[in-house]
Amino acid sequence: MNTLAVIFDMDGVIAHTNPYHAKAFEAFFDKYKIPYSEEEFEKHMYGKHNSYIFTHFFKRPIRGEELLNLEMEKEGLFREIYGAEVKPIPYLPNFLEDLHVNDVQLGVATSAPRANMDLILDALDIRKFFKSTLGSENVELHKPHPEVYEKSAANLGIDPTDCFVFEDSFSGVTAGLNANMNVIGVLSTHKKEELPVCLDYIENYKDMNFARLREIYREHVG
């Protein structure tokens, strides 16, 4: 079997951050008197880049310096709320250690700002596992465009067809598929039926290990 890589999204995949993003957005939108609902969050917030989120909820294009300032404000709220609450999706550290000892190349590819990624990787003490870490500042085009996954594969030196992606959102799964990678759906935010078709689906990492990935690879890739 070829050398494999595993690339993780962050929100909902490394840590279950979405409820805390919702709290941050609620406080943020209340300040600006912007209406919102949980249904809108599900459709237009989870897994989306801030440029899309702000444009949708403010009902006008949000770009340039205004985008940077609003993003800094909202993400600062998120880090303040979530900083003392950081914990991994269950069994993730065991999975990372198993992949590491089996010489699998690991990366993080998130639509979130790097400051959020730094907070989570350092709080969980898992930065040491990852050879590539890409945030929103590292790409021009955001998910569902595959740029962040294509750049991750290049950083890891692995062909995209030999890369697994763990994703929890529709746009993220689509980005992995658009990159011609092998996508595993993490059902922390959406139901199986709400995502594009993945090679496998997990609730957490309890039953996921290198042997299982190798089985999936041989069954679907060759």
N, C-alpha and C. Protein backbone atom coordinates (compact mmCIF):
# COMPACT_ATOMS: atom_id res chain seq x y z
N MET A 1 0.83 -1.19 0.00
CA MET A 1 0.00 0.00 0.00
C MET A 1 0.88 1.25 0.00
N ASN A 2 0.45 2.27 -0.70
CA ASN A 2 1.19 3.53 -0.74
C ASN A 2 1.19 4.19 0.64
N THR A 3 2.13 5.11 0.85
CA THR A 3 2.12 5.92 2.06
C THR A 3 0.83 6.73 2.10
N LEU A 4 0.21 6.77 3.27
CA LEU A 4 -1.06 7.48 3.41
C LEU A 4 -0.89 8.78 4.18
N ALA A 5 -1.82 9.68 3.95
CA ALA A 5 -1.94 10.90 4.76
C ALA A 5 -3.36 11.01 5.26
N VAL A 6 -3.52 11.62 6.41
CA VAL A 6 -4.85 11.92 6.95
C VAL A 6 -4.89 13.41 7.26
N ILE A 7 -5.89 14.08 6.71
CA ILE A 7 -6.05 15.52 6.89
C ILE A 7 -7.37 15.78 7.61
N PHE A 8 -7.31 16.49 8.70
CA PHE A 8 -8.47 16.76 9.53
C PHE A 8 -8.94 18.20 9.36
N ASP A 9 -10.25 18.36 9.15
CA ASP A 9 -10.86 19.66 9.41
C ASP A 9 -10.74 19.88 10.93
N MET A 10 -11.09 21.04 11.42
CA MET A 10 -10.95 21.28 12.87
C MET A 10 -12.29 21.34 13.59
N ASP A 11 -13.12 22.33 13.26
CA ASP A 11 -14.39 22.50 13.97
C ASP A 11 -15.30 21.31 13.70
N GLY A 12 -15.66 20.60 14.78
CA GLY A 12 -16.53 19.44 14.64
C GLY A 12 -15.80 18.16 14.30
N VAL A 13 -14.49 18.24 14.09
CA VAL A 13 -13.70 17.07 13.69
C VAL A 13 -12.57 16.80 14.69
N ILE A 14 -11.85 17.85 15.06
CA ILE A 14 -10.85 17.73 16.12
C ILE A 14 -11.49 18.05 17.47
N ALA A 15 -12.31 19.07 17.50
CA ALA A 15 -13.02 19.46 18.71
C ALA A 15 -14.44 19.87 18.35
N HIS A 16 -15.37 19.65 19.30
CA HIS A 16 -16.77 19.95 19.04
C HIS A 16 -17.03 21.41 19.38
N THR A 17 -16.58 22.29 18.51
CA THR A 17 -16.61 23.73 18.77
C THR A 17 -17.91 24.42 18.35
N ASN A 18 -18.70 23.77 17.52
CA ASN A 18 -19.83 24.48 16.91
C ASN A 18 -20.81 25.10 17.92
N PRO A 19 -21.14 24.43 19.04
CA PRO A 19 -22.02 25.10 20.01
C PRO A 19 -21.42 26.40 20.55
N TYR A 20 -20.10 26.47 20.64
CA TYR A 20 -19.44 27.67 21.16
C TYR A 20 -19.34 28.74 20.09
N HIS A 21 -19.19 28.33 18.82
CA HIS A 21 -19.29 29.30 17.72
C HIS A 21 -20.70 29.90 17.70
N ALA A 22 -21.72 29.07 17.94
CA ALA A 22 -23.09 29.57 17.96
C ALA A 22 -23.28 30.60 19.07
N LYS A 23 -22.72 30.33 20.26
CA LYS A 23 -22.82 31.30 21.36
C LYS A 23 -22.13 32.60 21.01
N ALA A 24 -20.95 32.50 20.38
CA ALA A 24 -20.22 33.70 19.99
C ALA A 24 -20.99 34.49 18.94
N PHE A 25 -21.57 33.79 17.95
CA PHE A 25 -22.34 34.49 16.93
C PHE A 25 -23.60 35.10 17.51
N GLU A 26 -24.24 34.44 18.47
CA GLU A 26 -25.43 35.01 19.09
C GLU A 26 -25.11 36.35 19.75
N ALA A 27 -24.01 36.38 20.53
CA ALA A 27 -23.61 37.63 21.17
C ALA A 27 -23.22 38.69 20.14
N PHE A 28 -22.52 38.25 19.11
CA PHE A 28 -22.07 39.15 18.05
C PHE A 28 -23.26 39.74 17.30
N PHE A 29 -24.19 38.89 16.86
CA PHE A 29 -25.35 39.38 16.10
C PHE A 29 -26.29 40.21 16.97
N ASP A 30 -26.41 39.86 18.25
CA ASP A 30 -27.24 40.67 19.15
C ASP A 30 -26.70 42.09 19.23
N LYS A 31 -25.38 42.22 19.29
CA LYS A 31 -24.76 43.55 19.35
C LYS A 31 -25.12 44.39 18.12
N TYR A 32 -25.10 43.73 16.95
CA TYR A 32 -25.37 44.44 15.69
C TYR A 32 -26.84 44.38 15.28
N LYS A 33 -27.69 43.83 16.18
CA LYS A 33 -29.13 43.74 15.93
C LYS A 33 -29.44 43.01 14.62
N ILE A 34 -28.72 41.90 14.41
CA ILE A 34 -28.90 41.07 13.23
C ILE A 34 -29.75 39.84 13.61
N PRO A 35 -30.89 39.60 12.96
CA PRO A 35 -31.70 38.42 13.30
C PRO A 35 -31.02 37.12 12.86
N TYR A 36 -31.30 36.05 13.60
CA TYR A 36 -30.71 34.74 13.30
C TYR A 36 -31.60 33.66 13.90
N SER A 37 -31.39 32.43 13.47
CA SER A 37 -32.11 31.28 14.02
C SER A 37 -31.18 30.07 13.97
N GLU A 38 -31.51 29.05 14.75
CA GLU A 38 -30.71 27.82 14.73
C GLU A 38 -30.74 27.19 13.35
N GLU A 39 -31.88 27.27 12.67
CA GLU A 39 -31.97 26.72 11.32
C GLU A 39 -31.01 27.45 10.38
N GLU A 40 -30.93 28.77 10.51
CA GLU A 40 -29.98 29.53 9.68
C GLU A 40 -28.54 29.17 10.01
N PHE A 41 -28.26 28.97 11.30
CA PHE A 41 -26.90 28.55 11.68
C PHE A 41 -26.54 27.24 11.00
N GLU A 42 -27.46 26.31 10.99
CA GLU A 42 -27.20 24.99 10.39
C GLU A 42 -26.93 25.12 8.89
N LYS A 43 -27.66 25.99 8.22
CA LYS A 43 -27.53 26.11 6.77
C LYS A 43 -26.42 27.07 6.35
N HIS A 44 -26.19 28.09 7.15
CA HIS A 44 -25.34 29.19 6.68
C HIS A 44 -24.19 29.55 7.62
N MET A 45 -23.96 28.76 8.68
CA MET A 45 -22.84 29.06 9.56
C MET A 45 -21.89 27.88 9.69
N TYR A 46 -22.39 26.71 10.07
CA TYR A 46 -21.52 25.57 10.33
C TYR A 46 -20.75 25.17 9.08
N GLY A 47 -19.43 25.13 9.20
CA GLY A 47 -18.58 24.71 8.08
C GLY A 47 -18.32 25.78 7.04
N LYS A 48 -18.83 26.99 7.26
CA LYS A 48 -18.67 28.07 6.29
C LYS A 48 -17.59 29.05 6.73
N HIS A 49 -16.99 29.73 5.74
CA HIS A 49 -15.99 30.76 6.04
C HIS A 49 -16.71 32.04 6.46
N ASN A 50 -16.04 32.84 7.28
CA ASN A 50 -16.68 34.05 7.81
C ASN A 50 -17.13 35.01 6.73
N SER A 51 -16.41 35.09 5.61
CA SER A 51 -16.84 36.00 4.54
C SER A 51 -18.24 35.65 4.05
N TYR A 52 -18.52 34.35 3.94
CA TYR A 52 -19.86 33.91 3.54
C TYR A 52 -20.86 34.19 4.65
N ILE A 53 -20.49 33.84 5.89
CA ILE A 53 -21.42 33.98 7.02
C ILE A 53 -21.85 35.43 7.20
N PHE A 54 -20.87 36.35 7.24
CA PHE A 54 -21.21 37.75 7.45
C PHE A 54 -22.05 38.29 6.30
N THR A 55 -21.69 37.95 5.08
CA THR A 55 -22.45 38.42 3.92
C THR A 55 -23.89 37.93 3.98
N HIS A 56 -24.08 36.66 4.37
CA HIS A 56 -25.45 36.13 4.46
C HIS A 56 -26.26 36.85 5.53
N PHE A 57 -25.71 36.98 6.72
CA PHE A 57 -26.51 37.50 7.83
C PHE A 57 -26.65 39.02 7.79
N PHE A 58 -25.65 39.73 7.29
CA PHE A 58 -25.76 41.18 7.17
C PHE A 58 -26.54 41.59 5.91
N LYS A 59 -26.77 40.60 5.03
CA LYS A 59 -27.56 40.83 3.80
C LYS A 59 -26.90 41.84 2.86
N ARG A 60 -25.57 41.87 2.87
CA ARG A 60 -24.82 42.71 1.94
C ARG A 60 -23.39 42.18 1.90
N PRO A 61 -22.64 42.48 0.85
CA PRO A 61 -21.26 42.00 0.77
C PRO A 61 -20.41 42.54 1.92
N ILE A 62 -19.66 41.67 2.56
CA ILE A 62 -18.72 42.06 3.61
C ILE A 62 -17.33 41.66 3.13
N ARG A 63 -16.49 42.64 2.89
CA ARG A 63 -15.17 42.36 2.29
C ARG A 63 -14.11 43.25 2.92
N GLY A 64 -12.86 42.99 2.54
CA GLY A 64 -11.74 43.87 2.86
C GLY A 64 -11.56 44.11 4.35
N GLU A 65 -11.29 45.37 4.69
CA GLU A 65 -10.98 45.72 6.08
C GLU A 65 -12.18 45.48 7.00
N GLU A 66 -13.38 45.72 6.49
CA GLU A 66 -14.58 45.47 7.31
C GLU A 66 -14.66 44.00 7.69
N LEU A 67 -14.40 43.11 6.74
CA LEU A 67 -14.41 41.68 7.02
C LEU A 67 -13.37 41.33 8.08
N LEU A 68 -12.16 41.85 7.92
CA LEU A 68 -11.09 41.55 8.87
C LEU A 68 -11.46 42.01 10.28
N ASN A 69 -12.05 43.21 10.39
CA ASN A 69 -12.40 43.75 11.70
C ASN A 69 -13.54 42.96 12.35
N LEU A 70 -14.56 42.63 11.55
CA LEU A 70 -15.68 41.85 12.10
C LEU A 70 -15.22 40.45 12.49
N GLU A 71 -14.39 39.85 11.65
CA GLU A 71 -13.88 38.52 11.95
C GLU A 71 -13.06 38.53 13.23
N MET A 72 -12.21 39.55 13.40
CA MET A 72 -11.39 39.64 14.60
C MET A 72 -12.28 39.75 15.84
N GLU A 73 -13.35 40.52 15.74
CA GLU A 73 -14.26 40.69 16.88
C GLU A 73 -14.97 39.38 17.22
N LYS A 74 -15.55 38.76 16.20
CA LYS A 74 -16.32 37.53 16.46
C LYS A 74 -15.42 36.40 16.93
N GLU A 75 -14.29 36.19 16.28
CA GLU A 75 -13.41 35.08 16.66
C GLU A 75 -12.77 35.33 18.03
N GLY A 76 -12.57 36.59 18.38
CA GLY A 76 -12.11 36.89 19.73
C GLY A 76 -13.14 36.47 20.76
N LEU A 77 -14.42 36.72 20.47
CA LEU A 77 -15.50 36.25 21.34
C LEU A 77 -15.47 34.73 21.47
N PHE A 78 -15.30 34.05 20.35
CA PHE A 78 -15.26 32.58 20.37
C PHE A 78 -14.12 32.09 21.26
N ARG A 79 -12.93 32.63 21.08
CA ARG A 79 -11.78 32.15 21.86
C ARG A 79 -11.97 32.44 23.35
N GLU A 80 -12.60 33.57 23.66
CA GLU A 80 -12.88 33.91 25.05
C GLU A 80 -13.86 32.92 25.67
N ILE A 81 -14.89 32.54 24.91
CA ILE A 81 -15.91 31.60 25.40
C ILE A 81 -15.36 30.19 25.49
N TYR A 82 -14.58 29.79 24.47
CA TYR A 82 -14.18 28.38 24.34
C TYR A 82 -12.85 28.06 25.02
N GLY A 83 -12.06 29.07 25.33
CA GLY A 83 -10.70 28.84 25.81
C GLY A 83 -10.58 27.87 26.98
N ALA A 84 -11.52 27.95 27.91
CA ALA A 84 -11.48 27.09 29.09
C ALA A 84 -12.25 25.78 28.90
N GLU A 85 -12.80 25.58 27.71
CA GLU A 85 -13.68 24.42 27.47
C GLU A 85 -13.11 23.43 26.47
N VAL A 86 -11.88 23.65 25.99
CA VAL A 86 -11.35 22.86 24.89
C VAL A 86 -11.20 21.39 25.28
N LYS A 87 -11.81 20.53 24.48
CA LYS A 87 -11.61 19.09 24.63
C LYS A 87 -11.81 18.43 23.27
N PRO A 88 -11.15 17.29 23.05
CA PRO A 88 -11.20 16.67 21.72
C PRO A 88 -12.48 15.88 21.50
N ILE A 89 -12.79 15.64 20.23
CA ILE A 89 -13.78 14.63 19.91
C ILE A 89 -13.29 13.33 20.55
N PRO A 90 -14.18 12.56 21.21
CA PRO A 90 -13.73 11.38 21.95
C PRO A 90 -12.83 10.44 21.14
N TYR A 91 -11.76 10.01 21.79
CA TYR A 91 -10.79 9.04 21.29
C TYR A 91 -9.87 9.59 20.20
N LEU A 92 -9.96 10.89 19.90
CA LEU A 92 -9.07 11.45 18.88
C LEU A 92 -7.59 11.28 19.24
N PRO A 93 -7.16 11.59 20.47
CA PRO A 93 -5.72 11.44 20.76
C PRO A 93 -5.20 10.02 20.53
N ASN A 94 -6.01 9.01 20.85
CA ASN A 94 -5.61 7.62 20.61
C ASN A 94 -5.42 7.37 19.12
N PHE A 95 -6.35 7.90 18.32
CA PHE A 95 -6.29 7.73 16.87
C PHE A 95 -5.04 8.41 16.31
N LEU A 96 -4.74 9.61 16.77
CA LEU A 96 -3.56 10.32 16.28
C LEU A 96 -2.29 9.55 16.62
N GLU A 97 -2.21 9.03 17.81
CA GLU A 97 -1.02 8.27 18.22
C GLU A 97 -0.86 7.02 17.37
N ASP A 98 -1.97 6.33 17.09
CA ASP A 98 -1.93 5.12 16.26
C ASP A 98 -1.48 5.45 14.84
N LEU A 99 -1.98 6.54 14.29
CA LEU A 99 -1.54 6.96 12.95
C LEU A 99 -0.06 7.32 12.96
N HIS A 100 0.37 8.00 13.99
CA HIS A 100 1.77 8.44 14.09
C HIS A 100 2.73 7.25 14.11
N VAL A 101 2.42 6.25 14.92
CA VAL A 101 3.33 5.10 15.01
C VAL A 101 3.33 4.27 13.74
N ASN A 102 2.30 4.46 12.91
CA ASN A 102 2.25 3.76 11.62
C ASN A 102 2.72 4.64 10.47
N ASP A 103 3.41 5.72 10.80
CA ASP A 103 4.07 6.60 9.81
C ASP A 103 3.10 7.24 8.82
N VAL A 104 1.87 7.52 9.27
CA VAL A 104 0.91 8.25 8.44
C VAL A 104 1.18 9.75 8.59
N GLN A 105 1.24 10.45 7.46
CA GLN A 105 1.45 11.90 7.47
C GLN A 105 0.14 12.60 7.84
N LEU A 106 0.21 13.59 8.75
CA LEU A 106 -1.00 14.20 9.28
C LEU A 106 -1.03 15.71 9.03
N GLY A 107 -2.24 16.21 8.74
CA GLY A 107 -2.42 17.64 8.53
C GLY A 107 -3.75 18.13 9.08
N VAL A 108 -3.84 19.44 9.27
CA VAL A 108 -5.09 20.11 9.63
C VAL A 108 -5.40 21.11 8.52
N ALA A 109 -6.65 21.14 8.08
CA ALA A 109 -7.08 22.05 7.01
C ALA A 109 -8.43 22.64 7.40
N THR A 110 -8.41 23.86 7.94
CA THR A 110 -9.63 24.45 8.47
C THR A 110 -9.97 25.77 7.79
N SER A 111 -11.25 26.10 7.79
CA SER A 111 -11.69 27.40 7.30
C SER A 111 -11.60 28.46 8.39
N ALA A 112 -11.24 28.04 9.59
CA ALA A 112 -11.15 28.97 10.72
C ALA A 112 -9.82 29.72 10.69
N PRO A 113 -9.76 30.86 11.37
CA PRO A 113 -8.49 31.59 11.47
C PRO A 113 -7.43 30.77 12.21
N ARG A 114 -6.18 31.04 11.89
CA ARG A 114 -5.08 30.29 12.52
C ARG A 114 -5.08 30.45 14.04
N ALA A 115 -5.49 31.61 14.55
CA ALA A 115 -5.51 31.81 16.00
C ALA A 115 -6.41 30.79 16.69
N ASN A 116 -7.54 30.45 16.06
CA ASN A 116 -8.42 29.41 16.63
C ASN A 116 -7.73 28.06 16.62
N MET A 117 -7.08 27.75 15.50
CA MET A 117 -6.38 26.47 15.38
C MET A 117 -5.26 26.38 16.40
N ASP A 118 -4.51 27.45 16.57
CA ASP A 118 -3.43 27.45 17.54
C ASP A 118 -3.97 27.19 18.95
N LEU A 119 -5.06 27.85 19.30
CA LEU A 119 -5.68 27.65 20.62
C LEU A 119 -5.99 26.18 20.86
N ILE A 120 -6.62 25.54 19.88
CA ILE A 120 -7.08 24.17 20.06
C ILE A 120 -5.93 23.17 20.01
N LEU A 121 -5.03 23.30 19.05
CA LEU A 121 -3.91 22.37 18.96
C LEU A 121 -3.04 22.42 20.21
N ASP A 122 -2.82 23.62 20.74
CA ASP A 122 -1.96 23.75 21.91
C ASP A 122 -2.69 23.32 23.19
N ALA A 123 -3.98 23.64 23.31
CA ALA A 123 -4.73 23.23 24.50
C ALA A 123 -4.82 21.72 24.60
N LEU A 124 -4.93 21.05 23.46
CA LEU A 124 -5.03 19.58 23.43
C LEU A 124 -3.66 18.91 23.38
N ASP A 125 -2.60 19.72 23.22
CA ASP A 125 -1.22 19.21 23.13
C ASP A 125 -1.09 18.17 22.01
N ILE A 126 -1.61 18.52 20.82
CA ILE A 126 -1.54 17.59 19.69
C ILE A 126 -0.83 18.20 18.48
N ARG A 127 -0.30 19.40 18.62
CA ARG A 127 0.39 20.03 17.49
C ARG A 127 1.54 19.16 16.97
N LYS A 128 2.18 18.43 17.87
CA LYS A 128 3.35 17.63 17.52
C LYS A 128 3.05 16.57 16.47
N PHE A 129 1.78 16.20 16.32
CA PHE A 129 1.43 15.15 15.36
C PHE A 129 1.37 15.66 13.93
N PHE A 130 1.21 16.97 13.72
CA PHE A 130 0.84 17.49 12.41
C PHE A 130 2.02 18.12 11.68
N LYS A 131 2.24 17.66 10.47
CA LYS A 131 3.29 18.20 9.61
C LYS A 131 2.80 19.43 8.85
N SER A 132 1.50 19.51 8.60
CA SER A 132 0.91 20.63 7.86
C SER A 132 -0.28 21.16 8.64
N THR A 133 -0.32 22.48 8.85
CA THR A 133 -1.47 23.12 9.51
C THR A 133 -1.85 24.36 8.70
N LEU A 134 -3.03 24.33 8.10
CA LEU A 134 -3.48 25.43 7.25
C LEU A 134 -4.80 26.00 7.77
N GLY A 135 -4.85 27.33 7.90
CA GLY A 135 -6.06 28.02 8.30
C GLY A 135 -6.58 28.90 7.19
N SER A 136 -7.56 29.73 7.51
CA SER A 136 -8.22 30.54 6.48
C SER A 136 -7.26 31.51 5.80
N GLU A 137 -6.21 31.95 6.53
CA GLU A 137 -5.27 32.90 5.96
C GLU A 137 -4.38 32.29 4.88
N ASN A 138 -4.36 30.96 4.81
CA ASN A 138 -3.42 30.28 3.92
C ASN A 138 -4.00 29.95 2.55
N VAL A 139 -5.25 30.34 2.28
CA VAL A 139 -5.86 30.05 0.98
C VAL A 139 -6.58 31.28 0.46
N GLU A 140 -6.75 31.30 -0.85
CA GLU A 140 -7.53 32.36 -1.51
C GLU A 140 -8.99 31.95 -1.66
N LEU A 141 -9.20 30.67 -1.87
CA LEU A 141 -10.55 30.13 -2.13
C LEU A 141 -10.91 29.16 -1.00
N HIS A 142 -12.11 29.30 -0.47
CA HIS A 142 -12.51 28.54 0.71
C HIS A 142 -13.43 27.37 0.34
N LYS A 143 -13.55 26.42 1.26
CA LYS A 143 -14.41 25.26 1.06
C LYS A 143 -15.80 25.74 0.64
N PRO A 144 -16.43 25.10 -0.34
CA PRO A 144 -16.17 23.77 -0.91
C PRO A 144 -15.08 23.70 -1.98
N HIS A 145 -14.40 24.80 -2.27
CA HIS A 145 -13.24 24.72 -3.17
C HIS A 145 -12.17 23.86 -2.51
N PRO A 146 -11.45 23.05 -3.28
CA PRO A 146 -10.49 22.11 -2.69
C PRO A 146 -9.13 22.69 -2.35
N GLU A 147 -8.91 24.01 -2.51
CA GLU A 147 -7.56 24.56 -2.37
C GLU A 147 -6.88 24.16 -1.08
N VAL A 148 -7.57 24.24 0.06
CA VAL A 148 -6.92 23.95 1.34
C VAL A 148 -6.47 22.50 1.42
N TYR A 149 -7.22 21.59 0.79
CA TYR A 149 -6.83 20.18 0.80
C TYR A 149 -5.72 19.90 -0.22
N GLU A 150 -5.79 20.56 -1.35
CA GLU A 150 -4.72 20.41 -2.34
C GLU A 150 -3.39 20.92 -1.78
N LYS A 151 -3.42 22.06 -1.09
CA LYS A 151 -2.20 22.59 -0.49
C LYS A 151 -1.69 21.67 0.62
N SER A 152 -2.61 21.08 1.38
CA SER A 152 -2.22 20.16 2.45
C SER A 152 -1.50 18.95 1.88
N ALA A 153 -2.05 18.37 0.82
CA ALA A 153 -1.42 17.21 0.19
C ALA A 153 -0.02 17.56 -0.30
N ALA A 154 0.11 18.75 -0.89
CA ALA A 154 1.43 19.19 -1.37
C ALA A 154 2.40 19.35 -0.21
N ASN A 155 1.93 19.94 0.89
CA ASN A 155 2.79 20.10 2.07
C ASN A 155 3.26 18.76 2.62
N LEU A 156 2.37 17.76 2.57
CA LEU A 156 2.67 16.44 3.12
C LEU A 156 3.44 15.57 2.13
N GLY A 157 3.48 16.00 0.86
CA GLY A 157 4.17 15.21 -0.16
C GLY A 157 3.47 13.92 -0.51
N ILE A 158 2.14 13.93 -0.42
CA ILE A 158 1.34 12.73 -0.67
C ILE A 158 0.36 13.02 -1.80
N ASP A 159 0.20 12.05 -2.72
CA ASP A 159 -0.78 12.19 -3.80
C ASP A 159 -2.19 12.30 -3.19
N PRO A 160 -3.04 13.19 -3.72
CA PRO A 160 -4.39 13.35 -3.17
C PRO A 160 -5.18 12.04 -3.07
N THR A 161 -4.98 11.13 -4.00
CA THR A 161 -5.73 9.87 -3.95
C THR A 161 -5.29 8.98 -2.80
N ASP A 162 -4.17 9.30 -2.17
CA ASP A 162 -3.69 8.56 -1.02
C ASP A 162 -3.95 9.31 0.29
N CYS A 163 -4.78 10.35 0.22
CA CYS A 163 -5.12 11.15 1.40
C CYS A 163 -6.54 10.85 1.88
N PHE A 164 -6.69 10.66 3.17
CA PHE A 164 -8.00 10.62 3.80
C PHE A 164 -8.32 11.98 4.39
N VAL A 165 -9.58 12.37 4.30
CA VAL A 165 -10.07 13.61 4.88
C VAL A 165 -11.17 13.27 5.88
N PHE A 166 -11.10 13.87 7.06
CA PHE A 166 -12.17 13.76 8.05
C PHE A 166 -12.88 15.10 8.12
N GLU A 167 -14.17 15.08 7.78
CA GLU A 167 -14.97 16.31 7.67
C GLU A 167 -16.36 16.10 8.27
N ASP A 168 -16.96 17.21 8.74
CA ASP A 168 -18.29 17.12 9.36
C ASP A 168 -19.34 17.95 8.65
N SER A 169 -18.95 18.81 7.69
CA SER A 169 -19.91 19.71 7.06
C SER A 169 -20.07 19.40 5.58
N PHE A 170 -21.17 19.88 5.01
CA PHE A 170 -21.44 19.65 3.59
C PHE A 170 -20.34 20.29 2.73
N SER A 171 -20.00 21.54 3.05
CA SER A 171 -18.98 22.22 2.24
C SER A 171 -17.62 21.56 2.41
N GLY A 172 -17.31 21.08 3.62
CA GLY A 172 -16.03 20.44 3.86
C GLY A 172 -15.90 19.10 3.16
N VAL A 173 -16.95 18.27 3.26
CA VAL A 173 -16.95 16.99 2.54
C VAL A 173 -16.80 17.23 1.05
N THR A 174 -17.54 18.22 0.54
CA THR A 174 -17.47 18.55 -0.89
C THR A 174 -16.05 18.97 -1.28
N ALA A 175 -15.40 19.75 -0.42
CA ALA A 175 -14.02 20.18 -0.71
C ALA A 175 -13.09 18.97 -0.79
N GLY A 176 -13.24 18.02 0.14
CA GLY A 176 -12.41 16.82 0.10
C GLY A 176 -12.64 16.00 -1.15
N LEU A 177 -13.91 15.86 -1.52
CA LEU A 177 -14.23 15.12 -2.74
C LEU A 177 -13.71 15.84 -3.97
N ASN A 178 -13.82 17.18 -3.98
CA ASN A 178 -13.32 17.97 -5.11
C ASN A 178 -11.80 17.86 -5.25
N ALA A 179 -11.13 17.55 -4.13
CA ALA A 179 -9.68 17.35 -4.16
C ALA A 179 -9.30 15.92 -4.54
N ASN A 180 -10.30 15.10 -4.83
CA ASN A 180 -10.08 13.70 -5.23
C ASN A 180 -9.48 12.88 -4.08
N MET A 181 -9.97 13.17 -2.87
CA MET A 181 -9.50 12.46 -1.68
C MET A 181 -10.56 11.52 -1.14
N ASN A 182 -10.17 10.72 -0.17
CA ASN A 182 -11.04 9.71 0.42
C ASN A 182 -11.64 10.27 1.70
N VAL A 183 -12.95 10.56 1.69
CA VAL A 183 -13.56 11.33 2.76
C VAL A 183 -14.33 10.44 3.73
N ILE A 184 -14.06 10.68 5.03
CA ILE A 184 -14.79 10.05 6.12
C ILE A 184 -15.65 11.12 6.78
N GLY A 185 -16.95 10.88 6.90
CA GLY A 185 -17.85 11.85 7.51
C GLY A 185 -17.88 11.71 9.03
N VAL A 186 -17.69 12.82 9.73
CA VAL A 186 -17.77 12.85 11.19
C VAL A 186 -19.13 13.44 11.56
N LEU A 187 -19.97 12.65 12.20
CA LEU A 187 -21.37 13.03 12.42
C LEU A 187 -21.54 13.78 13.74
N SER A 188 -20.77 14.85 13.90
CA SER A 188 -20.88 15.68 15.10
C SER A 188 -21.85 16.83 14.91
N THR A 189 -22.06 17.24 13.68
CA THR A 189 -22.88 18.40 13.37
C THR A 189 -24.09 18.04 12.51
N HIS A 190 -23.90 17.11 11.57
CA HIS A 190 -24.95 16.75 10.64
C HIS A 190 -25.20 15.24 10.66
N LYS A 191 -26.38 14.86 10.21
CA LYS A 191 -26.70 13.46 10.02
C LYS A 191 -26.09 12.97 8.72
N LYS A 192 -25.92 11.67 8.63
CA LYS A 192 -25.36 11.05 7.43
C LYS A 192 -26.08 11.50 6.18
N GLU A 193 -27.42 11.58 6.26
CA GLU A 193 -28.23 11.92 5.09
C GLU A 193 -28.04 13.37 4.65
N GLU A 194 -27.48 14.20 5.51
CA GLU A 194 -27.30 15.62 5.19
C GLU A 194 -25.95 15.92 4.54
N LEU A 195 -25.11 14.89 4.42
CA LEU A 195 -23.78 15.07 3.84
C LEU A 195 -23.69 14.39 2.48
N PRO A 196 -22.78 14.84 1.62
CA PRO A 196 -22.50 14.07 0.41
C PRO A 196 -22.01 12.67 0.80
N VAL A 197 -22.06 11.74 -0.13
CA VAL A 197 -21.70 10.36 0.16
C VAL A 197 -20.21 10.26 0.50
N CYS A 198 -19.91 9.66 1.66
CA CYS A 198 -18.54 9.44 2.12
C CYS A 198 -18.23 7.95 2.11
N LEU A 199 -16.94 7.61 2.25
CA LEU A 199 -16.55 6.20 2.27
C LEU A 199 -16.95 5.52 3.57
N ASP A 200 -17.05 6.30 4.65
CA ASP A 200 -17.45 5.77 5.94
C ASP A 200 -17.93 6.94 6.79
N TYR A 201 -18.59 6.63 7.90
CA TYR A 201 -19.10 7.66 8.80
C TYR A 201 -18.80 7.24 10.24
N ILE A 202 -18.45 8.21 11.08
CA ILE A 202 -18.16 7.91 12.47
C ILE A 202 -18.85 8.93 13.38
N GLU A 203 -19.20 8.51 14.59
CA GLU A 203 -19.68 9.42 15.62
C GLU A 203 -18.51 10.00 16.39
N ASN A 204 -17.49 9.16 16.63
CA ASN A 204 -16.25 9.56 17.28
C ASN A 204 -15.17 8.59 16.79
N TYR A 205 -13.98 8.65 17.39
CA TYR A 205 -12.85 7.89 16.86
C TYR A 205 -12.61 6.56 17.58
N LYS A 206 -13.60 6.11 18.35
CA LYS A 206 -13.41 4.89 19.15
C LYS A 206 -13.01 3.70 18.29
N ASP A 207 -13.67 3.51 17.17
CA ASP A 207 -13.42 2.34 16.32
C ASP A 207 -12.61 2.67 15.07
N MET A 208 -11.99 3.84 15.06
CA MET A 208 -11.20 4.24 13.90
C MET A 208 -9.72 4.13 14.24
N ASN A 209 -8.99 3.43 13.40
CA ASN A 209 -7.55 3.26 13.60
C ASN A 209 -6.88 3.02 12.26
N PHE A 210 -5.57 2.86 12.27
CA PHE A 210 -4.83 2.67 11.03
C PHE A 210 -5.31 1.43 10.28
N ALA A 211 -5.58 0.35 11.01
CA ALA A 211 -6.03 -0.88 10.37
C ALA A 211 -7.35 -0.66 9.64
N ARG A 212 -8.26 0.11 10.25
CA ARG A 212 -9.55 0.39 9.61
C ARG A 212 -9.35 1.25 8.36
N LEU A 213 -8.48 2.25 8.43
CA LEU A 213 -8.20 3.08 7.25
C LEU A 213 -7.61 2.24 6.12
N ARG A 214 -6.71 1.37 6.46
CA ARG A 214 -6.08 0.51 5.45
C ARG A 214 -7.13 -0.38 4.79
N GLU A 215 -8.08 -0.87 5.58
CA GLU A 215 -9.17 -1.69 5.04
C GLU A 215 -10.03 -0.89 4.06
N ILE A 216 -10.39 0.35 4.45
CA ILE A 216 -11.19 1.20 3.59
C ILE A 216 -10.43 1.53 2.30
N TYR A 217 -9.16 1.83 2.45
CA TYR A 217 -8.32 2.16 1.28
C TYR A 217 -8.28 1.00 0.29
N ARG A 218 -8.03 -0.19 0.80
CA ARG A 218 -7.93 -1.35 -0.09
C ARG A 218 -9.27 -1.66 -0.74
N GLU A 219 -10.36 -1.42 -0.04
CA GLU A 219 -11.69 -1.71 -0.58
C GLU A 219 -12.08 -0.72 -1.68
N HIS A 220 -11.70 0.56 -1.51
CA HIS A 220 -12.20 1.59 -2.42
C HIS A 220 -11.15 2.13 -3.39
N VAL A 221 -9.88 2.03 -3.03
CA VAL A 221 -8.83 2.63 -3.86
C VAL A 221 -7.98 1.58 -4.56
N GLY A 222 -7.60 0.56 -3.82
CA GLY A 222 -6.83 -0.52 -4.44
C GLY A 222 -5.48 -0.67 -3.78
